[in-house]
PDB file of all heavy atoms in Angstrom:
ATOM      1  N   ASN A   1      -9.042   7.948 -19.113  1.00  0.00           N
ATOM      2  CA  ASN A   1     -10.440   8.098 -18.684  1.00  0.00           C
ATOM      3  C   ASN A   1     -10.779   9.518 -18.256  1.00  0.00           C
ATOM      4  O   ASN A   1     -11.758   9.723 -17.543  1.00  0.00           O
ATOM      5  CB  ASN A   1     -10.732   7.132 -17.530  1.00  0.00           C
ATOM      6  CG  ASN A   1     -10.836   5.701 -17.980  1.00  0.00           C
ATOM      7  OD1 ASN A   1     -11.866   5.267 -18.489  1.00  0.00           O
ATOM      8  ND2 ASN A   1      -9.758   4.953 -17.802  1.00  0.00           N
ATOM      9  N   ILE A   2     -10.000  10.476 -18.725  1.00  0.00           N
ATOM     10  CA  ILE A   2     -10.213  11.854 -18.291  1.00  0.00           C
ATOM     11  C   ILE A   2     -11.578  12.384 -18.737  1.00  0.00           C
ATOM     12  O   ILE A   2     -12.147  13.283 -18.106  1.00  0.00           O
ATOM     13  CB  ILE A   2      -9.069  12.758 -18.814  1.00  0.00           C
ATOM     14  CG1 ILE A   2      -9.065  14.092 -18.076  1.00  0.00           C
ATOM     15  CG2 ILE A   2      -9.157  12.940 -20.321  1.00  0.00           C
ATOM     16  CD1 ILE A   2      -7.822  14.913 -18.329  1.00  0.00           C
ATOM     17  N   ASN A   3     -12.137  11.822 -19.806  1.00  0.00           N
ATOM     18  CA  ASN A   3     -13.446  12.259 -20.294  1.00  0.00           C
ATOM     19  C   ASN A   3     -14.554  11.241 -20.012  1.00  0.00           C
ATOM     20  O   ASN A   3     -15.656  11.368 -20.538  1.00  0.00           O
ATOM     21  CB  ASN A   3     -13.386  12.528 -21.803  1.00  0.00           C
ATOM     22  CG  ASN A   3     -12.513  13.727 -22.140  1.00  0.00           C
ATOM     23  OD1 ASN A   3     -12.558  14.747 -21.461  1.00  0.00           O
ATOM     24  ND2 ASN A   3     -11.706  13.606 -23.181  1.00  0.00           N
ATOM     25  N   THR A   4     -14.257  10.243 -19.188  1.00  0.00           N
ATOM     26  CA  THR A   4     -15.261   9.233 -18.839  1.00  0.00           C
ATOM     27  C   THR A   4     -16.143   9.754 -17.719  1.00  0.00           C
ATOM     28  O   THR A   4     -15.656  10.101 -16.639  1.00  0.00           O
ATOM     29  CB  THR A   4     -14.579   7.924 -18.406  1.00  0.00           C
ATOM     30  OG1 THR A   4     -13.755   7.440 -19.462  1.00  0.00           O
ATOM     31  CG2 THR A   4     -15.612   6.871 -18.054  1.00  0.00           C
ATOM     32  N   ILE A   5     -17.432   9.808 -17.969  1.00  0.00           N
ATOM     33  CA  ILE A   5     -18.376  10.344 -16.985  1.00  0.00           C
ATOM     34  C   ILE A   5     -18.364   9.469 -15.727  1.00  0.00           C
ATOM     35  O   ILE A   5     -18.486   8.249 -15.797  1.00  0.00           O
ATOM     36  CB  ILE A   5     -19.792  10.416 -17.567  1.00  0.00           C
ATOM     37  CG1 ILE A   5     -19.830  11.411 -18.733  1.00  0.00           C
ATOM     38  CG2 ILE A   5     -20.813  10.806 -16.501  1.00  0.00           C
ATOM     39  CD1 ILE A   5     -21.144  11.454 -19.461  1.00  0.00           C
ATOM     40  N   GLY A   6     -18.221  10.121 -14.575  1.00  0.00           N
ATOM     41  CA  GLY A   6     -18.269   9.417 -13.300  1.00  0.00           C
ATOM     42  C   GLY A   6     -17.011   8.667 -12.929  1.00  0.00           C
ATOM     43  O   GLY A   6     -16.972   8.008 -11.888  1.00  0.00           O
ATOM     44  N   TYR A   7     -15.947   8.772 -13.747  1.00  0.00           N
ATOM     45  CA  TYR A   7     -14.727   8.018 -13.453  1.00  0.00           C
ATOM     46  C   TYR A   7     -14.013   8.608 -12.236  1.00  0.00           C
ATOM     47  O   TYR A   7     -13.934   9.826 -12.068  1.00  0.00           O
ATOM     48  CB  TYR A   7     -13.781   8.039 -14.653  1.00  0.00           C
ATOM     49  CG  TYR A   7     -12.484   7.305 -14.413  1.00  0.00           C
ATOM     50  CD1 TYR A   7     -12.413   5.920 -14.527  1.00  0.00           C
ATOM     51  CD2 TYR A   7     -11.330   7.993 -14.046  1.00  0.00           C
ATOM     52  CE1 TYR A   7     -11.234   5.243 -14.308  1.00  0.00           C
ATOM     53  CE2 TYR A   7     -10.143   7.323 -13.818  1.00  0.00           C
ATOM     54  CZ  TYR A   7     -10.094   5.945 -13.949  1.00  0.00           C
ATOM     55  OH  TYR A   7      -8.922   5.276 -13.710  1.00  0.00           O
ATOM     56  N   LYS A   8     -13.472   7.727 -11.394  1.00  0.00           N
ATOM     57  CA  LYS A   8     -12.698   8.127 -10.222  1.00  0.00           C
ATOM     58  C   LYS A   8     -11.261   7.647 -10.374  1.00  0.00           C
ATOM     59  O   LYS A   8     -11.012   6.469 -10.661  1.00  0.00           O
ATOM     60  CB  LYS A   8     -13.313   7.548  -8.939  1.00  0.00           C
ATOM     61  CG  LYS A   8     -14.765   7.953  -8.718  1.00  0.00           C
ATOM     62  CD  LYS A   8     -14.927   9.466  -8.633  1.00  0.00           C
ATOM     63  CE  LYS A   8     -16.379   9.864  -8.458  1.00  0.00           C
ATOM     64  NZ  LYS A   8     -16.554  11.339  -8.458  1.00  0.00           N
ATOM     65  N   ARG A   9     -10.331   8.559 -10.194  1.00  0.00           N
ATOM     66  CA  ARG A   9      -8.927   8.265 -10.447  1.00  0.00           C
ATOM     67  C   ARG A   9      -8.366   7.278  -9.428  1.00  0.00           C
ATOM     68  O   ARG A   9      -8.807   7.208  -8.272  1.00  0.00           O
ATOM     69  CB  ARG A   9      -8.094   9.556 -10.425  1.00  0.00           C
ATOM     70  CG  ARG A   9      -8.045  10.245  -9.068  1.00  0.00           C
ATOM     71  CD  ARG A   9      -7.228  11.531  -9.134  1.00  0.00           C
ATOM     72  NE  ARG A   9      -5.829  11.247  -9.413  1.00  0.00           N
ATOM     73  CZ  ARG A   9      -4.930  11.010  -8.464  1.00  0.00           C
ATOM     74  NH1 ARG A   9      -5.259  11.007  -7.178  1.00  0.00           N
ATOM     75  NH2 ARG A   9      -3.676  10.788  -8.790  1.00  0.00           N
ATOM     76  N   ASP A  10      -7.362   6.542  -9.860  1.00  0.00           N
ATOM     77  CA  ASP A  10      -6.620   5.635  -8.985  1.00  0.00           C
ATOM     78  C   ASP A  10      -5.265   6.258  -8.648  1.00  0.00           C
ATOM     79  O   ASP A  10      -4.747   7.101  -9.379  1.00  0.00           O
ATOM     80  CB  ASP A  10      -6.401   4.278  -9.663  1.00  0.00           C
ATOM     81  CG  ASP A  10      -7.655   3.442  -9.697  1.00  0.00           C
ATOM     82  OD1 ASP A  10      -8.500   3.609  -8.801  1.00  0.00           O
ATOM     83  OD2 ASP A  10      -7.796   2.617 -10.618  1.00  0.00           O
ATOM     84  N   ASP A  11      -4.703   5.807  -7.557  1.00  0.00           N
ATOM     85  CA  ASP A  11      -3.359   6.244  -7.176  1.00  0.00           C
ATOM     86  C   ASP A  11      -2.704   5.107  -6.410  1.00  0.00           C
ATOM     87  O   ASP A  11      -3.360   4.124  -6.038  1.00  0.00           O
ATOM     88  CB  ASP A  11      -3.416   7.518  -6.324  1.00  0.00           C
ATOM     89  CG  ASP A  11      -2.140   8.335  -6.439  1.00  0.00           C
ATOM     90  OD1 ASP A  11      -1.121   7.792  -6.925  1.00  0.00           O
ATOM     91  OD2 ASP A  11      -2.143   9.517  -6.054  1.00  0.00           O
ATOM     92  N   VAL A  12      -1.402   5.219  -6.186  1.00  0.00           N
ATOM     93  CA  VAL A  12      -0.666   4.178  -5.480  1.00  0.00           C
ATOM     94  C   VAL A  12       0.103   4.777  -4.316  1.00  0.00           C
ATOM     95  O   VAL A  12       0.449   5.962  -4.306  1.00  0.00           O
ATOM     96  CB  VAL A  12       0.322   3.440  -6.423  1.00  0.00           C
ATOM     97  CG1 VAL A  12      -0.430   2.692  -7.500  1.00  0.00           C
ATOM     98  CG2 VAL A  12       1.324   4.415  -7.035  1.00  0.00           C
ATOM     99  N   VAL A  13       0.361   3.932  -3.325  1.00  0.00           N
ATOM    100  CA  VAL A  13       1.241   4.277  -2.206  1.00  0.00           C
ATOM    101  C   VAL A  13       2.502   3.450  -2.363  1.00  0.00           C
ATOM    102  O   VAL A  13       2.434   2.216  -2.470  1.00  0.00           O
ATOM    103  CB  VAL A  13       0.580   3.978  -0.851  1.00  0.00           C
ATOM    104  CG1 VAL A  13       1.541   4.274   0.282  1.00  0.00           C
ATOM    105  CG2 VAL A  13      -0.698   4.794  -0.693  1.00  0.00           C
ATOM    106  N   ILE A  14       3.643   4.106  -2.424  1.00  0.00           N
ATOM    107  CA  ILE A  14       4.924   3.414  -2.607  1.00  0.00           C
ATOM    108  C   ILE A  14       5.685   3.403  -1.295  1.00  0.00           C
ATOM    109  O   ILE A  14       5.856   4.441  -0.642  1.00  0.00           O
ATOM    110  CB  ILE A  14       5.760   4.098  -3.711  1.00  0.00           C
ATOM    111  CG1 ILE A  14       5.029   3.982  -5.056  1.00  0.00           C
ATOM    112  CG2 ILE A  14       7.151   3.479  -3.807  1.00  0.00           C
ATOM    113  CD1 ILE A  14       5.733   4.660  -6.202  1.00  0.00           C
ATOM    114  N   GLY A  15       6.114   2.221  -0.873  1.00  0.00           N
ATOM    115  CA  GLY A  15       6.892   2.077   0.349  1.00  0.00           C
ATOM    116  C   GLY A  15       7.969   1.037   0.140  1.00  0.00           C
ATOM    117  O   GLY A  15       8.313   0.681  -0.976  1.00  0.00           O
ATOM    118  N   ASP A  16       8.532   0.514   1.237  1.00  0.00           N
ATOM    119  CA  ASP A  16       9.532  -0.544   1.131  1.00  0.00           C
ATOM    120  C   ASP A  16       9.252  -1.589   2.202  1.00  0.00           C
ATOM    121  O   ASP A  16       8.580  -1.328   3.200  1.00  0.00           O
ATOM    122  CB  ASP A  16      10.951   0.002   1.261  1.00  0.00           C
ATOM    123  CG  ASP A  16      11.190   0.701   2.579  1.00  0.00           C
ATOM    124  OD1 ASP A  16      11.318   0.002   3.598  1.00  0.00           O
ATOM    125  OD2 ASP A  16      11.230   1.938   2.593  1.00  0.00           O
ATOM    126  N   PHE A  17       9.784  -2.792   1.970  1.00  0.00           N
ATOM    127  CA  PHE A  17       9.477  -3.905   2.847  1.00  0.00           C
ATOM    128  C   PHE A  17       9.962  -3.661   4.272  1.00  0.00           C
ATOM    129  O   PHE A  17       9.313  -4.061   5.236  1.00  0.00           O
ATOM    130  CB  PHE A  17      10.098  -5.191   2.300  1.00  0.00           C
ATOM    131  CG  PHE A  17       9.825  -6.393   3.160  1.00  0.00           C
ATOM    132  CD1 PHE A  17       8.629  -7.065   3.058  1.00  0.00           C
ATOM    133  CD2 PHE A  17      10.766  -6.831   4.080  1.00  0.00           C
ATOM    134  CE1 PHE A  17       8.368  -8.168   3.860  1.00  0.00           C
ATOM    135  CE2 PHE A  17      10.508  -7.931   4.883  1.00  0.00           C
ATOM    136  CZ  PHE A  17       9.311  -8.602   4.777  1.00  0.00           C
ATOM    137  N   GLU A  18      11.104  -3.022   4.429  1.00  0.00           N
ATOM    138  CA  GLU A  18      11.655  -2.835   5.767  1.00  0.00           C
ATOM    139  C   GLU A  18      10.733  -1.996   6.633  1.00  0.00           C
ATOM    140  O   GLU A  18      10.544  -2.274   7.815  1.00  0.00           O
ATOM    141  CB  GLU A  18      13.031  -2.176   5.686  1.00  0.00           C
ATOM    142  CG  GLU A  18      13.719  -2.108   7.049  1.00  0.00           C
ATOM    143  CD  GLU A  18      15.163  -1.656   6.925  1.00  0.00           C
ATOM    144  OE1 GLU A  18      15.575  -1.279   5.820  1.00  0.00           O
ATOM    145  OE2 GLU A  18      15.859  -1.687   7.946  1.00  0.00           O
ATOM    146  N   ARG A  19      10.097  -0.958   6.027  1.00  0.00           N
ATOM    147  CA  ARG A  19       9.163  -0.133   6.801  1.00  0.00           C
ATOM    148  C   ARG A  19       7.938  -0.953   7.210  1.00  0.00           C
ATOM    149  O   ARG A  19       7.483  -0.876   8.351  1.00  0.00           O
ATOM    150  CB  ARG A  19       8.715   1.071   5.959  1.00  0.00           C
ATOM    151  CG  ARG A  19       7.725   1.972   6.674  1.00  0.00           C
ATOM    152  CD  ARG A  19       7.300   3.119   5.777  1.00  0.00           C
ATOM    153  NE  ARG A  19       6.573   2.636   4.623  1.00  0.00           N
ATOM    154  CZ  ARG A  19       5.276   2.322   4.641  1.00  0.00           C
ATOM    155  NH1 ARG A  19       4.581   2.431   5.766  1.00  0.00           N
ATOM    156  NH2 ARG A  19       4.672   1.898   3.553  1.00  0.00           N
ATOM    157  N   ILE A  20       7.438  -1.761   6.273  1.00  0.00           N
ATOM    158  CA  ILE A  20       6.290  -2.609   6.589  1.00  0.00           C
ATOM    159  C   ILE A  20       6.663  -3.624   7.667  1.00  0.00           C
ATOM    160  O   ILE A  20       5.879  -3.907   8.578  1.00  0.00           O
ATOM    161  CB  ILE A  20       5.804  -3.331   5.324  1.00  0.00           C
ATOM    162  CG1 ILE A  20       5.398  -2.299   4.251  1.00  0.00           C
ATOM    163  CG2 ILE A  20       4.632  -4.249   5.625  1.00  0.00           C
ATOM    164  CD1 ILE A  20       5.100  -2.922   2.909  1.00  0.00           C
ATOM    165  N   PHE A  21       7.893  -4.148   7.572  1.00  0.00           N
ATOM    166  CA  PHE A  21       8.353  -5.127   8.556  1.00  0.00           C
ATOM    167  C   PHE A  21       8.364  -4.534   9.955  1.00  0.00           C
ATOM    168  O   PHE A  21       7.930  -5.164  10.920  1.00  0.00           O
ATOM    169  CB  PHE A  21       9.755  -5.614   8.171  1.00  0.00           C
ATOM    170  CG  PHE A  21      10.381  -6.538   9.182  1.00  0.00           C
ATOM    171  CD1 PHE A  21      10.076  -7.889   9.186  1.00  0.00           C
ATOM    172  CD2 PHE A  21      11.252  -6.044  10.138  1.00  0.00           C
ATOM    173  CE1 PHE A  21      10.644  -8.730  10.123  1.00  0.00           C
ATOM    174  CE2 PHE A  21      11.827  -6.873  11.075  1.00  0.00           C
ATOM    175  CZ  PHE A  21      11.519  -8.221  11.064  1.00  0.00           C
ATOM    176  N   LYS A  22       8.834  -3.314  10.087  1.00  0.00           N
ATOM    177  CA  LYS A  22       8.897  -2.675  11.394  1.00  0.00           C
ATOM    178  C   LYS A  22       7.510  -2.468  11.991  1.00  0.00           C
ATOM    179  O   LYS A  22       7.327  -2.491  13.203  1.00  0.00           O
ATOM    180  CB  LYS A  22       9.624  -1.332  11.280  1.00  0.00           C
ATOM    181  CG  LYS A  22      11.123  -1.477  11.022  1.00  0.00           C
ATOM    182  CD  LYS A  22      11.784  -0.108  10.877  1.00  0.00           C
ATOM    183  CE  LYS A  22      13.276  -0.252  10.603  1.00  0.00           C
ATOM    184  NZ  LYS A  22      13.941   1.061  10.428  1.00  0.00           N
ATOM    185  N   GLN A  23       6.514  -2.269  11.115  1.00  0.00           N
ATOM    186  CA  GLN A  23       5.156  -2.034  11.581  1.00  0.00           C
ATOM    187  C   GLN A  23       4.465  -3.326  12.016  1.00  0.00           C
ATOM    188  O   GLN A  23       3.582  -3.301  12.874  1.00  0.00           O
ATOM    189  CB  GLN A  23       4.326  -1.370  10.474  1.00  0.00           C
ATOM    190  CG  GLN A  23       4.789   0.043  10.133  1.00  0.00           C
ATOM    191  CD  GLN A  23       4.028   0.622   8.953  1.00  0.00           C
ATOM    192  OE1 GLN A  23       3.312  -0.087   8.264  1.00  0.00           O
ATOM    193  NE2 GLN A  23       4.190   1.907   8.731  1.00  0.00           N
ATOM    194  N   THR A  24       4.875  -4.453  11.424  1.00  0.00           N
ATOM    195  CA  THR A  24       4.139  -5.705  11.641  1.00  0.00           C
ATOM    196  C   THR A  24       4.999  -6.841  12.171  1.00  0.00           C
ATOM    197  O   THR A  24       4.533  -7.981  12.215  1.00  0.00           O
ATOM    198  CB  THR A  24       3.480  -6.168  10.317  1.00  0.00           C
ATOM    199  OG1 THR A  24       4.497  -6.384   9.343  1.00  0.00           O
ATOM    200  CG2 THR A  24       2.495  -5.124   9.807  1.00  0.00           C
ATOM    201  N   HIS A  25       6.245  -6.556  12.597  1.00  0.00           N
ATOM    202  CA  HIS A  25       7.140  -7.656  12.956  1.00  0.00           C
ATOM    203  C   HIS A  25       6.646  -8.452  14.164  1.00  0.00           C
ATOM    204  O   HIS A  25       6.962  -9.634  14.316  1.00  0.00           O
ATOM    205  CB  HIS A  25       8.559  -7.136  13.221  1.00  0.00           C
ATOM    206  CG  HIS A  25       8.701  -6.343  14.476  1.00  0.00           C
ATOM    207  ND1 HIS A  25       8.353  -5.010  14.546  1.00  0.00           N
ATOM    208  CD2 HIS A  25       9.137  -6.690  15.721  1.00  0.00           C
ATOM    209  CE1 HIS A  25       8.581  -4.562  15.770  1.00  0.00           C
ATOM    210  NE2 HIS A  25       9.042  -5.558  16.498  1.00  0.00           N
ATOM    211  N   ASP A  26       5.832  -7.831  15.039  1.00  0.00           N
ATOM    212  CA  ASP A  26       5.323  -8.553  16.205  1.00  0.00           C
ATOM    213  C   ASP A  26       4.340  -9.660  15.817  1.00  0.00           C
ATOM    214  O   ASP A  26       4.081 -10.572  16.603  1.00  0.00           O
ATOM    215  CB  ASP A  26       4.629  -7.588  17.168  1.00  0.00           C
ATOM    216  CG  ASP A  26       5.627  -6.659  17.852  1.00  0.00           C
ATOM    217  OD1 ASP A  26       6.812  -7.045  17.938  1.00  0.00           O
ATOM    218  OD2 ASP A  26       5.232  -5.561  18.282  1.00  0.00           O
ATOM    219  N   GLU A  27       3.788  -9.579  14.604  1.00  0.00           N
ATOM    220  CA  GLU A  27       2.826 -10.575  14.151  1.00  0.00           C
ATOM    221  C   GLU A  27       3.490 -11.721  13.399  1.00  0.00           C
ATOM    222  O   GLU A  27       2.816 -12.708  13.059  1.00  0.00           O
ATOM    223  CB  GLU A  27       1.780  -9.913  13.245  1.00  0.00           C
ATOM    224  CG  GLU A  27       1.024  -8.778  13.929  1.00  0.00           C
ATOM    225  CD  GLU A  27       0.110  -8.039  12.968  1.00  0.00           C
ATOM    226  OE1 GLU A  27      -0.039  -8.520  11.823  1.00  0.00           O
ATOM    227  OE2 GLU A  27      -0.444  -6.999  13.352  1.00  0.00           O
ATOM    228  N   LEU A  28       4.783 -11.609  13.144  1.00  0.00           N
ATOM    229  CA  LEU A  28       5.484 -12.666  12.418  1.00  0.00           C
ATOM    230  C   LEU A  28       5.630 -13.905  13.308  1.00  0.00           C
ATOM    231  O   LEU A  28       5.714 -13.796  14.534  1.00  0.00           O
ATOM    232  CB  LEU A  28       6.856 -12.181  11.962  1.00  0.00           C
ATOM    233  CG  LEU A  28       6.838 -11.094  10.886  1.00  0.00           C
ATOM    234  CD1 LEU A  28       8.251 -10.603  10.625  1.00  0.00           C
ATOM    235  CD2 LEU A  28       6.224 -11.617   9.592  1.00  0.00           C
ATOM    236  N   PRO A  29       5.670 -15.090  12.712  1.00  0.00           N
ATOM    237  CA  PRO A  29       5.704 -16.326  13.509  1.00  0.00           C
ATOM    238  C   PRO A  29       7.035 -16.589  14.202  1.00  0.00           C
ATOM    239  O   PRO A  29       7.097 -17.406  15.106  1.00  0.00           O
ATOM    240  CB  PRO A  29       5.406 -17.417  12.469  1.00  0.00           C
ATOM    241  CG  PRO A  29       5.878 -16.831  11.177  1.00  0.00           C
ATOM    242  CD  PRO A  29       5.603 -15.357  11.273  1.00  0.00           C
ATOM    243  N   LEU A  30       8.112 -15.894  13.789  1.00  0.00           N
ATOM    244  CA  LEU A  30       9.436 -16.158  14.346  1.00  0.00           C
ATOM    245  C   LEU A  30      10.015 -14.904  14.978  1.00  0.00           C
ATOM    246  O   LEU A  30       9.815 -13.795  14.484  1.00  0.00           O
ATOM    247  CB  LEU A  30      10.386 -16.658  13.246  1.00  0.00           C
ATOM    248  CG  LEU A  30       9.933 -17.932  12.514  1.00  0.00           C
ATOM    249  CD1 LEU A  30      10.849 -18.196  11.339  1.00  0.00           C
ATOM    250  CD2 LEU A  30       9.924 -19.111  13.465  1.00  0.00           C
ATOM    251  N   LYS A  31      10.734 -15.076  16.059  1.00  0.00           N
ATOM    252  CA  LYS A  31      11.371 -13.940  16.730  1.00  0.00           C
ATOM    253  C   LYS A  31      12.566 -13.443  15.914  1.00  0.00           C
ATOM    254  O   LYS A  31      13.198 -14.192  15.172  1.00  0.00           O
ATOM    255  CB  LYS A  31      11.844 -14.360  18.128  1.00  0.00           C
ATOM    256  CG  LYS A  31      10.703 -14.771  19.047  1.00  0.00           C
ATOM    257  CD  LYS A  31       9.739 -13.628  19.306  1.00  0.00           C
ATOM    258  CE  LYS A  31       8.641 -14.047  20.269  1.00  0.00           C
ATOM    259  NZ  LYS A  31       7.672 -12.945  20.510  1.00  0.00           N
TER     260      LYS A  31
END
């Protein structure tokens, strides 16, 4: 889509589950 008028590029964020777990583990239903 490099020549598509008005097109906005997409991108991704790559991480891993363990990092996400550390950020949200307090919200998990089990200790």
